[in-house]
PDB file of all heavy atoms in Angstrom:
ATOM      1  N   LYS A   1     -21.627  -9.775   7.982  1.00  0.00           N
ATOM      2  CA  LYS A   1     -21.165  -8.422   7.691  1.00  0.00           C
ATOM      3  C   LYS A   1     -19.688  -8.502   7.283  1.00  0.00           C
ATOM      4  O   LYS A   1     -18.827  -8.868   8.093  1.00  0.00           O
ATOM      5  CB  LYS A   1     -21.355  -7.520   8.900  1.00  0.00           C
ATOM      6  CG  LYS A   1     -22.836  -7.400   9.287  1.00  0.00           C
ATOM      7  CD  LYS A   1     -23.059  -6.608  10.562  1.00  0.00           C
ATOM      8  CE  LYS A   1     -24.556  -6.545  10.878  1.00  0.00           C
ATOM      9  NZ  LYS A   1     -24.836  -5.786  12.121  1.00  0.00           N
ATOM     10  N   VAL A   2     -19.426  -8.173   5.999  1.00  0.00           N
ATOM     11  CA  VAL A   2     -18.093  -8.377   5.418  1.00  0.00           C
ATOM     12  C   VAL A   2     -17.532  -7.040   4.960  1.00  0.00           C
ATOM     13  O   VAL A   2     -18.178  -6.305   4.209  1.00  0.00           O
ATOM     14  CB  VAL A   2     -18.160  -9.329   4.203  1.00  0.00           C
ATOM     15  CG1 VAL A   2     -16.758  -9.636   3.688  1.00  0.00           C
ATOM     16  CG2 VAL A   2     -18.906 -10.609   4.555  1.00  0.00           C
ATOM     17  N   PHE A   3     -16.340  -6.703   5.433  1.00  0.00           N
ATOM     18  CA  PHE A   3     -15.654  -5.508   4.949  1.00  0.00           C
ATOM     19  C   PHE A   3     -15.027  -5.813   3.594  1.00  0.00           C
ATOM     20  O   PHE A   3     -14.402  -6.864   3.390  1.00  0.00           O
ATOM     21  CB  PHE A   3     -14.560  -5.075   5.925  1.00  0.00           C
ATOM     22  CG  PHE A   3     -15.080  -4.591   7.247  1.00  0.00           C
ATOM     23  CD1 PHE A   3     -14.795  -5.270   8.415  1.00  0.00           C
ATOM     24  CD2 PHE A   3     -15.875  -3.445   7.315  1.00  0.00           C
ATOM     25  CE1 PHE A   3     -15.266  -4.826   9.631  1.00  0.00           C
ATOM     26  CE2 PHE A   3     -16.358  -2.991   8.538  1.00  0.00           C
ATOM     27  CZ  PHE A   3     -16.055  -3.688   9.700  1.00  0.00           C
ATOM     28  N   MET A   4     -15.164  -4.873   2.640  1.00  0.00           N
ATOM     29  CA  MET A   4     -14.650  -5.063   1.290  1.00  0.00           C
ATOM     30  C   MET A   4     -14.000  -3.782   0.802  1.00  0.00           C
ATOM     31  O   MET A   4     -14.167  -2.707   1.401  1.00  0.00           O
ATOM     32  CB  MET A   4     -15.769  -5.498   0.336  1.00  0.00           C
ATOM     33  CG  MET A   4     -16.552  -6.716   0.802  1.00  0.00           C
ATOM     34  SD  MET A   4     -17.836  -7.262  -0.339  1.00  0.00           S
ATOM     35  CE  MET A   4     -16.855  -8.118  -1.547  1.00  0.00           C
ATOM     36  N   LEU A   5     -13.260  -3.904  -0.300  1.00  0.00           N
ATOM     37  CA  LEU A   5     -12.644  -2.730  -0.921  1.00  0.00           C
ATOM     38  C   LEU A   5     -12.820  -2.834  -2.428  1.00  0.00           C
ATOM     39  O   LEU A   5     -12.424  -3.832  -3.036  1.00  0.00           O
ATOM     40  CB  LEU A   5     -11.153  -2.661  -0.579  1.00  0.00           C
ATOM     41  CG  LEU A   5     -10.389  -1.497  -1.210  1.00  0.00           C
ATOM     42  CD1 LEU A   5     -10.889  -0.159  -0.658  1.00  0.00           C
ATOM     43  CD2 LEU A   5      -8.885  -1.638  -1.000  1.00  0.00           C
ATOM     44  N   GLN A   6     -13.393  -1.821  -3.015  1.00  0.00           N
ATOM     45  CA  GLN A   6     -13.583  -1.786  -4.464  1.00  0.00           C
ATOM     46  C   GLN A   6     -12.559  -0.823  -5.074  1.00  0.00           C
ATOM     47  O   GLN A   6     -12.408   0.304  -4.601  1.00  0.00           O
ATOM     48  CB  GLN A   6     -15.004  -1.331  -4.815  1.00  0.00           C
ATOM     49  CG  GLN A   6     -15.311  -1.402  -6.298  1.00  0.00           C
ATOM     50  CD  GLN A   6     -16.782  -1.150  -6.601  1.00  0.00           C
ATOM     51  OE1 GLN A   6     -17.653  -1.279  -5.726  1.00  0.00           O
ATOM     52  NE2 GLN A   6     -17.078  -0.787  -7.834  1.00  0.00           N
ATOM     53  N   TYR A   7     -11.840  -1.302  -6.100  1.00  0.00           N
ATOM     54  CA  TYR A   7     -10.834  -0.450  -6.745  1.00  0.00           C
ATOM     55  C   TYR A   7     -10.596  -0.940  -8.165  1.00  0.00           C
ATOM     56  O   TYR A   7     -11.038  -2.012  -8.559  1.00  0.00           O
ATOM     57  CB  TYR A   7      -9.529  -0.447  -5.950  1.00  0.00           C
ATOM     58  CG  TYR A   7      -8.802  -1.773  -5.921  1.00  0.00           C
ATOM     59  CD1 TYR A   7      -7.873  -2.113  -6.907  1.00  0.00           C
ATOM     60  CD2 TYR A   7      -9.035  -2.706  -4.912  1.00  0.00           C
ATOM     61  CE1 TYR A   7      -7.209  -3.333  -6.889  1.00  0.00           C
ATOM     62  CE2 TYR A   7      -8.371  -3.935  -4.877  1.00  0.00           C
ATOM     63  CZ  TYR A   7      -7.460  -4.242  -5.874  1.00  0.00           C
ATOM     64  OH  TYR A   7      -6.814  -5.441  -5.855  1.00  0.00           O
ATOM     65  N   ARG A   8      -9.860  -0.127  -8.924  1.00  0.00           N
ATOM     66  CA  ARG A   8      -9.407  -0.515 -10.264  1.00  0.00           C
ATOM     67  C   ARG A   8      -7.885  -0.599 -10.261  1.00  0.00           C
ATOM     68  O   ARG A   8      -7.209   0.244  -9.674  1.00  0.00           O
ATOM     69  CB  ARG A   8      -9.847   0.510 -11.317  1.00  0.00           C
ATOM     70  CG  ARG A   8     -11.315   0.459 -11.685  1.00  0.00           C
ATOM     71  CD  ARG A   8     -11.617   1.496 -12.759  1.00  0.00           C
ATOM     72  NE  ARG A   8     -13.016   1.539 -13.099  1.00  0.00           N
ATOM     73  CZ  ARG A   8     -13.583   0.787 -14.054  1.00  0.00           C
ATOM     74  NH1 ARG A   8     -12.847  -0.056 -14.747  1.00  0.00           N
ATOM     75  NH2 ARG A   8     -14.870   0.897 -14.307  1.00  0.00           N
ATOM     76  N   THR A   9      -7.363  -1.614 -10.927  1.00  0.00           N
ATOM     77  CA  THR A   9      -5.910  -1.724 -11.070  1.00  0.00           C
ATOM     78  C   THR A   9      -5.435  -0.698 -12.091  1.00  0.00           C
ATOM     79  O   THR A   9      -6.236  -0.068 -12.798  1.00  0.00           O
ATOM     80  CB  THR A   9      -5.515  -3.134 -11.537  1.00  0.00           C
ATOM     81  OG1 THR A   9      -5.993  -3.337 -12.881  1.00  0.00           O
ATOM     82  CG2 THR A   9      -6.097  -4.194 -10.624  1.00  0.00           C
ATOM     83  N   ASN A  10      -4.119  -0.538 -12.188  1.00  0.00           N
ATOM     84  CA  ASN A  10      -3.565   0.388 -13.187  1.00  0.00           C
ATOM     85  C   ASN A  10      -3.895  -0.055 -14.601  1.00  0.00           C
ATOM     86  O   ASN A  10      -3.878   0.756 -15.536  1.00  0.00           O
ATOM     87  CB  ASN A  10      -2.050   0.483 -13.022  1.00  0.00           C
ATOM     88  CG  ASN A  10      -1.667   1.325 -11.813  1.00  0.00           C
ATOM     89  OD1 ASN A  10      -2.538   1.844 -11.115  1.00  0.00           O
ATOM     90  ND2 ASN A  10      -0.369   1.470 -11.564  1.00  0.00           N
ATOM     91  N   ALA A  11      -4.207  -1.361 -14.753  1.00  0.00           N
ATOM     92  CA  ALA A  11      -4.588  -1.880 -16.066  1.00  0.00           C
ATOM     93  C   ALA A  11      -6.078  -1.697 -16.337  1.00  0.00           C
ATOM     94  O   ALA A  11      -6.575  -2.097 -17.391  1.00  0.00           O
ATOM     95  CB  ALA A  11      -4.220  -3.353 -16.176  1.00  0.00           C
ATOM     96  N   GLY A  12      -6.799  -1.111 -15.362  1.00  0.00           N
ATOM     97  CA  GLY A  12      -8.226  -0.850 -15.556  1.00  0.00           C
ATOM     98  C   GLY A  12      -9.139  -1.981 -15.133  1.00  0.00           C
ATOM     99  O   GLY A  12     -10.352  -1.912 -15.338  1.00  0.00           O
ATOM    100  N   GLU A  13      -8.585  -3.038 -14.515  1.00  0.00           N
ATOM    101  CA  GLU A  13      -9.415  -4.169 -14.101  1.00  0.00           C
ATOM    102  C   GLU A  13     -10.099  -3.861 -12.770  1.00  0.00           C
ATOM    103  O   GLU A  13      -9.482  -3.325 -11.844  1.00  0.00           O
ATOM    104  CB  GLU A  13      -8.549  -5.429 -13.969  1.00  0.00           C
ATOM    105  CG  GLU A  13      -7.920  -5.862 -15.281  1.00  0.00           C
ATOM    106  CD  GLU A  13      -6.938  -7.003 -15.096  1.00  0.00           C
ATOM    107  OE1 GLU A  13      -6.194  -6.964 -14.097  1.00  0.00           O
ATOM    108  OE2 GLU A  13      -6.907  -7.918 -15.931  1.00  0.00           O
ATOM    109  N   ARG A  14     -11.389  -4.203 -12.696  1.00  0.00           N
ATOM    110  CA  ARG A  14     -12.166  -3.940 -11.486  1.00  0.00           C
ATOM    111  C   ARG A  14     -11.910  -5.054 -10.455  1.00  0.00           C
ATOM    112  O   ARG A  14     -11.879  -6.222 -10.789  1.00  0.00           O
ATOM    113  CB  ARG A  14     -13.666  -3.878 -11.807  1.00  0.00           C
ATOM    114  CG  ARG A  14     -14.047  -2.704 -12.695  1.00  0.00           C
ATOM    115  CD  ARG A  14     -15.490  -2.821 -13.148  1.00  0.00           C
ATOM    116  NE  ARG A  14     -16.406  -2.742 -12.019  1.00  0.00           N
ATOM    117  CZ  ARG A  14     -16.922  -1.607 -11.535  1.00  0.00           C
ATOM    118  NH1 ARG A  14     -16.599  -0.442 -12.106  1.00  0.00           N
ATOM    119  NH2 ARG A  14     -17.759  -1.625 -10.525  1.00  0.00           N
ATOM    120  N   ARG A  15     -11.760  -4.672  -9.220  1.00  0.00           N
ATOM    121  CA  ARG A  15     -11.546  -5.613  -8.122  1.00  0.00           C
ATOM    122  C   ARG A  15     -12.480  -5.250  -6.977  1.00  0.00           C
ATOM    123  O   ARG A  15     -12.759  -4.080  -6.734  1.00  0.00           O
ATOM    124  CB  ARG A  15     -10.098  -5.572  -7.626  1.00  0.00           C
ATOM    125  CG  ARG A  15      -9.062  -5.963  -8.660  1.00  0.00           C
ATOM    126  CD  ARG A  15      -8.953  -7.472  -8.767  1.00  0.00           C
ATOM    127  NE  ARG A  15      -7.796  -7.878  -9.528  1.00  0.00           N
ATOM    128  CZ  ARG A  15      -7.816  -8.170 -10.824  1.00  0.00           C
ATOM    129  NH1 ARG A  15      -8.965  -8.095 -11.502  1.00  0.00           N
ATOM    130  NH2 ARG A  15      -6.717  -8.530 -11.448  1.00  0.00           N
ATOM    131  N   LYS A  16     -12.938  -6.275  -6.264  1.00  0.00           N
ATOM    132  CA  LYS A  16     -13.774  -6.038  -5.087  1.00  0.00           C
ATOM    133  C   LYS A  16     -13.524  -7.163  -4.069  1.00  0.00           C
ATOM    134  O   LYS A  16     -14.406  -7.960  -3.765  1.00  0.00           O
ATOM    135  CB  LYS A  16     -15.249  -5.991  -5.491  1.00  0.00           C
ATOM    136  CG  LYS A  16     -16.165  -5.370  -4.441  1.00  0.00           C
ATOM    137  CD  LYS A  16     -17.585  -5.259  -4.999  1.00  0.00           C
ATOM    138  CE  LYS A  16     -18.539  -4.651  -4.005  1.00  0.00           C
ATOM    139  NZ  LYS A  16     -19.927  -4.588  -4.559  1.00  0.00           N
ATOM    140  N   PRO A  17     -12.319  -7.235  -3.520  1.00  0.00           N
ATOM    141  CA  PRO A  17     -11.986  -8.324  -2.600  1.00  0.00           C
ATOM    142  C   PRO A  17     -12.515  -8.067  -1.194  1.00  0.00           C
ATOM    143  O   PRO A  17     -12.728  -6.922  -0.783  1.00  0.00           O
ATOM    144  CB  PRO A  17     -10.460  -8.318  -2.603  1.00  0.00           C
ATOM    145  CG  PRO A  17     -10.107  -6.877  -2.835  1.00  0.00           C
ATOM    146  CD  PRO A  17     -11.157  -6.358  -3.776  1.00  0.00           C
ATOM    147  N   ALA A  18     -12.711  -9.149  -0.464  1.00  0.00           N
ATOM    148  CA  ALA A  18     -13.089  -9.052   0.947  1.00  0.00           C
ATOM    149  C   ALA A  18     -11.841  -8.778   1.780  1.00  0.00           C
ATOM    150  O   ALA A  18     -10.773  -9.334   1.532  1.00  0.00           O
ATOM    151  CB  ALA A  18     -13.752 -10.340   1.398  1.00  0.00           C
ATOM    152  N   LEU A  19     -12.011  -7.901   2.766  1.00  0.00           N
ATOM    153  CA  LEU A  19     -10.922  -7.616   3.699  1.00  0.00           C
ATOM    154  C   LEU A  19     -11.003  -8.496   4.934  1.00  0.00           C
ATOM    155  O   LEU A  19      -9.981  -8.815   5.543  1.00  0.00           O
ATOM    156  CB  LEU A  19     -10.972  -6.143   4.135  1.00  0.00           C
ATOM    157  CG  LEU A  19     -10.822  -5.105   3.019  1.00  0.00           C
ATOM    158  CD1 LEU A  19     -11.108  -3.709   3.569  1.00  0.00           C
ATOM    159  CD2 LEU A  19      -9.418  -5.163   2.440  1.00  0.00           C
ATOM    160  N   GLY A  20     -12.224  -8.863   5.315  1.00  0.00           N
ATOM    161  CA  GLY A  20     -12.420  -9.694   6.498  1.00  0.00           C
ATOM    162  C   GLY A  20     -13.798  -9.492   7.080  1.00  0.00           C
ATOM    163  O   GLY A  20     -14.547  -8.578   6.680  1.00  0.00           O
ATOM    164  N   LEU A  21     -14.180 -10.352   8.014  1.00  0.00           N
ATOM    165  CA  LEU A  21     -15.507 -10.291   8.641  1.00  0.00           C
ATOM    166  C   LEU A  21     -15.526  -9.290   9.792  1.00  0.00           C
ATOM    167  O   LEU A  21     -14.536  -9.146  10.528  1.00  0.00           O
ATOM    168  CB  LEU A  21     -15.906 -11.667   9.160  1.00  0.00           C
ATOM    169  CG  LEU A  21     -16.258 -12.740   8.135  1.00  0.00           C
ATOM    170  CD1 LEU A  21     -16.463 -14.083   8.825  1.00  0.00           C
ATOM    171  CD2 LEU A  21     -17.510 -12.346   7.353  1.00  0.00           C
ATOM    172  N   TYR A  22     -16.648  -8.622   9.916  1.00  0.00           N
ATOM    173  CA  TYR A  22     -16.857  -7.771  11.090  1.00  0.00           C
ATOM    174  C   TYR A  22     -16.923  -8.691  12.315  1.00  0.00           C
ATOM    175  O   TYR A  22     -17.595  -9.705  12.319  1.00  0.00           O
ATOM    176  CB  TYR A  22     -18.169  -7.001  10.948  1.00  0.00           C
ATOM    177  CG  TYR A  22     -18.497  -6.139  12.144  1.00  0.00           C
ATOM    178  CD1 TYR A  22     -17.610  -5.178  12.588  1.00  0.00           C
ATOM    179  CD2 TYR A  22     -19.710  -6.302  12.832  1.00  0.00           C
ATOM    180  CE1 TYR A  22     -17.921  -4.375  13.681  1.00  0.00           C
ATOM    181  CE2 TYR A  22     -20.025  -5.507  13.921  1.00  0.00           C
ATOM    182  CZ  TYR A  22     -19.112  -4.544  14.352  1.00  0.00           C
ATOM    183  OH  TYR A  22     -19.412  -3.768  15.436  1.00  0.00           O
ATOM    184  N   GLY A  23     -16.195  -8.330  13.332  1.00  0.00           N
ATOM    185  CA  GLY A  23     -16.049  -9.198  14.499  1.00  0.00           C
ATOM    186  C   GLY A  23     -14.639  -9.753  14.558  1.00  0.00           C
ATOM    187  O   GLY A  23     -14.010  -9.761  15.625  1.00  0.00           O
ATOM    188  N   GLU A  24     -14.163 -10.184  13.384  1.00  0.00           N
ATOM    189  CA  GLU A  24     -12.750 -10.562  13.302  1.00  0.00           C
ATOM    190  C   GLU A  24     -11.891  -9.318  13.134  1.00  0.00           C
ATOM    191  O   GLU A  24     -10.748  -9.265  13.590  1.00  0.00           O
ATOM    192  CB  GLU A  24     -12.525 -11.517  12.125  1.00  0.00           C
ATOM    193  CG  GLU A  24     -13.235 -12.860  12.288  1.00  0.00           C
ATOM    194  CD  GLU A  24     -13.048 -13.759  11.068  1.00  0.00           C
ATOM    195  OE1 GLU A  24     -12.423 -13.293  10.079  1.00  0.00           O
ATOM    196  OE2 GLU A  24     -13.526 -14.900  11.098  1.00  0.00           O
ATOM    197  N   LEU A  25     -12.461  -8.329  12.441  1.00  0.00           N
ATOM    198  CA  LEU A  25     -11.821  -7.027  12.305  1.00  0.00           C
ATOM    199  C   LEU A  25     -12.754  -5.960  12.859  1.00  0.00           C
ATOM    200  O   LEU A  25     -13.976  -6.037  12.687  1.00  0.00           O
ATOM    201  CB  LEU A  25     -11.544  -6.702  10.827  1.00  0.00           C
ATOM    202  CG  LEU A  25     -10.497  -7.532  10.073  1.00  0.00           C
ATOM    203  CD1 LEU A  25     -10.482  -7.120   8.602  1.00  0.00           C
ATOM    204  CD2 LEU A  25      -9.118  -7.360  10.681  1.00  0.00           C
ATOM    205  N   THR A  26     -12.193  -4.964  13.523  1.00  0.00           N
ATOM    206  CA  THR A  26     -12.993  -3.797  13.904  1.00  0.00           C
ATOM    207  C   THR A  26     -13.120  -2.892  12.684  1.00  0.00           C
ATOM    208  O   THR A  26     -12.426  -3.072  11.673  1.00  0.00           O
ATOM    209  CB  THR A  26     -12.328  -3.020  15.043  1.00  0.00           C
ATOM    210  OG1 THR A  26     -11.088  -2.461  14.562  1.00  0.00           O
ATOM    211  CG2 THR A  26     -12.044  -3.926  16.240  1.00  0.00           C
ATOM    212  N   VAL A  27     -13.988  -1.885  12.771  1.00  0.00           N
ATOM    213  CA  VAL A  27     -14.144  -0.943  11.663  1.00  0.00           C
ATOM    214  C   VAL A  27     -12.826  -0.230  11.388  1.00  0.00           C
ATOM    215  O   VAL A  27     -12.412  -0.076  10.233  1.00  0.00           O
ATOM    216  CB  VAL A  27     -15.264   0.078  11.981  1.00  0.00           C
ATOM    217  CG1 VAL A  27     -15.337   1.143  10.886  1.00  0.00           C
ATOM    218  CG2 VAL A  27     -16.615  -0.616  12.111  1.00  0.00           C
ATOM    219  N   GLU A  28     -12.141   0.199  12.441  1.00  0.00           N
ATOM    220  CA  GLU A  28     -10.892   0.938  12.266  1.00  0.00           C
ATOM    221  C   GLU A  28      -9.796   0.052  11.672  1.00  0.00           C
ATOM    222  O   GLU A  28      -9.004   0.499  10.841  1.00  0.00           O
ATOM    223  CB  GLU A  28     -10.441   1.538  13.599  1.00  0.00           C
ATOM    224  CG  GLU A  28     -11.299   2.706  14.069  1.00  0.00           C
ATOM    225  CD  GLU A  28     -11.400   3.799  12.998  1.00  0.00           C
ATOM    226  OE1 GLU A  28     -10.363   4.136  12.385  1.00  0.00           O
ATOM    227  OE2 GLU A  28     -12.514   4.290  12.762  1.00  0.00           O
ATOM    228  N   GLN A  29      -9.749  -1.206  12.101  1.00  0.00           N
ATOM    229  CA  GLN A  29      -8.764  -2.123  11.533  1.00  0.00           C
ATOM    230  C   GLN A  29      -9.018  -2.359  10.050  1.00  0.00           C
ATOM    231  O   GLN A  29      -8.094  -2.381   9.237  1.00  0.00           O
ATOM    232  CB  GLN A  29      -8.787  -3.453  12.285  1.00  0.00           C
ATOM    233  CG  GLN A  29      -8.184  -3.398  13.677  1.00  0.00           C
ATOM    234  CD  GLN A  29      -8.419  -4.678  14.456  1.00  0.00           C
ATOM    235  OE1 GLN A  29      -9.361  -5.435  14.187  1.00  0.00           O
ATOM    236  NE2 GLN A  29      -7.569  -4.932  15.456  1.00  0.00           N
ATOM    237  N   ALA A  30     -10.291  -2.533   9.692  1.00  0.00           N
ATOM    238  CA  ALA A  30     -10.640  -2.753   8.290  1.00  0.00           C
ATOM    239  C   ALA A  30     -10.344  -1.505   7.452  1.00  0.00           C
ATOM    240  O   ALA A  30      -9.844  -1.613   6.322  1.00  0.00           O
ATOM    241  CB  ALA A  30     -12.116  -3.126   8.178  1.00  0.00           C
ATOM    242  N   ARG A  31     -10.652  -0.307   7.990  1.00  0.00           N
ATOM    243  CA  ARG A  31     -10.361   0.935   7.257  1.00  0.00           C
ATOM    244  C   ARG A  31      -8.851   1.101   7.050  1.00  0.00           C
ATOM    245  O   ARG A  31      -8.401   1.484   5.971  1.00  0.00           O
ATOM    246  CB  ARG A  31     -10.924   2.129   8.020  1.00  0.00           C
ATOM    247  CG  ARG A  31     -10.707   3.458   7.281  1.00  0.00           C
ATOM    248  CD  ARG A  31     -11.249   4.643   8.052  1.00  0.00           C
ATOM    249  NE  ARG A  31     -12.711   4.716   7.930  1.00  0.00           N
ATOM    250  CZ  ARG A  31     -13.550   4.544   8.944  1.00  0.00           C
ATOM    251  NH1 ARG A  31     -13.079   4.264  10.162  1.00  0.00           N
ATOM    252  NH2 ARG A  31     -14.856   4.646   8.768  1.00  0.00           N
ATOM    253  N   SER A  32      -8.073   0.785   8.080  1.00  0.00           N
ATOM    254  CA  SER A  32      -6.620   0.898   7.965  1.00  0.00           C
ATOM    255  C   SER A  32      -6.081  -0.065   6.909  1.00  0.00           C
ATOM    256  O   SER A  32      -5.207   0.294   6.110  1.00  0.00           O
ATOM    257  CB  SER A  32      -5.975   0.608   9.322  1.00  0.00           C
ATOM    258  OG  SER A  32      -4.577   0.644   9.236  1.00  0.00           O
ATOM    259  N   LEU A  33      -6.628  -1.292   6.880  1.00  0.00           N
ATOM    260  CA  LEU A  33      -6.210  -2.270   5.877  1.00  0.00           C
ATOM    261  C   LEU A  33      -6.591  -1.793   4.476  1.00  0.00           C
ATOM    262  O   LEU A  33      -5.811  -1.940   3.530  1.00  0.00           O
ATOM    263  CB  LEU A  33      -6.859  -3.625   6.175  1.00  0.00           C
ATOM    264  CG  LEU A  33      -6.503  -4.789   5.243  1.00  0.00           C
ATOM    265  CD1 LEU A  33      -4.992  -5.032   5.225  1.00  0.00           C
ATOM    266  CD2 LEU A  33      -7.231  -6.065   5.674  1.00  0.00           C
ATOM    267  N   ALA A  34      -7.779  -1.195   4.343  1.00  0.00           N
ATOM    268  CA  ALA A  34      -8.213  -0.667   3.044  1.00  0.00           C
ATOM    269  C   ALA A  34      -7.271   0.423   2.561  1.00  0.00           C
ATOM    270  O   ALA A  34      -6.922   0.491   1.371  1.00  0.00           O
ATOM    271  CB  ALA A  34      -9.636  -0.134   3.151  1.00  0.00           C
ATOM    272  N   GLN A  35      -6.823   1.269   3.472  1.00  0.00           N
ATOM    273  CA  GLN A  35      -5.889   2.332   3.087  1.00  0.00           C
ATOM    274  C   GLN A  35      -4.545   1.749   2.645  1.00  0.00           C
ATOM    275  O   GLN A  35      -3.938   2.237   1.691  1.00  0.00           O
ATOM    276  CB  GLN A  35      -5.698   3.292   4.270  1.00  0.00           C
ATOM    277  CG  GLN A  35      -6.932   4.143   4.553  1.00  0.00           C
ATOM    278  CD  GLN A  35      -6.807   4.937   5.846  1.00  0.00           C
ATOM    279  OE1 GLN A  35      -6.205   4.468   6.816  1.00  0.00           O
ATOM    280  NE2 GLN A  35      -7.370   6.144   5.860  1.00  0.00           N
ATOM    281  N   GLU A  36      -4.086   0.705   3.334  1.00  0.00           N
ATOM    282  CA  GLU A  36      -2.831   0.049   2.933  1.00  0.00           C
ATOM    283  C   GLU A  36      -2.949  -0.548   1.537  1.00  0.00           C
ATOM    284  O   GLU A  36      -2.036  -0.431   0.706  1.00  0.00           O
ATOM    285  CB  GLU A  36      -2.467  -1.045   3.933  1.00  0.00           C
ATOM    286  CG  GLU A  36      -2.047  -0.544   5.303  1.00  0.00           C
ATOM    287  CD  GLU A  36      -1.777  -1.692   6.259  1.00  0.00           C
ATOM    288  OE1 GLU A  36      -1.680  -2.853   5.787  1.00  0.00           O
ATOM    289  OE2 GLU A  36      -1.674  -1.439   7.474  1.00  0.00           O
TER     290      GLU A  36
END
């Protein structure tokens, strides 16, 4: 179970990086990182 964030850069490039594994991060920690 991998937390991820999908977004577009200002140049229009699509990104979908992993934030971290569930267990290493809690849901709230992953959501906070996604917001940052």
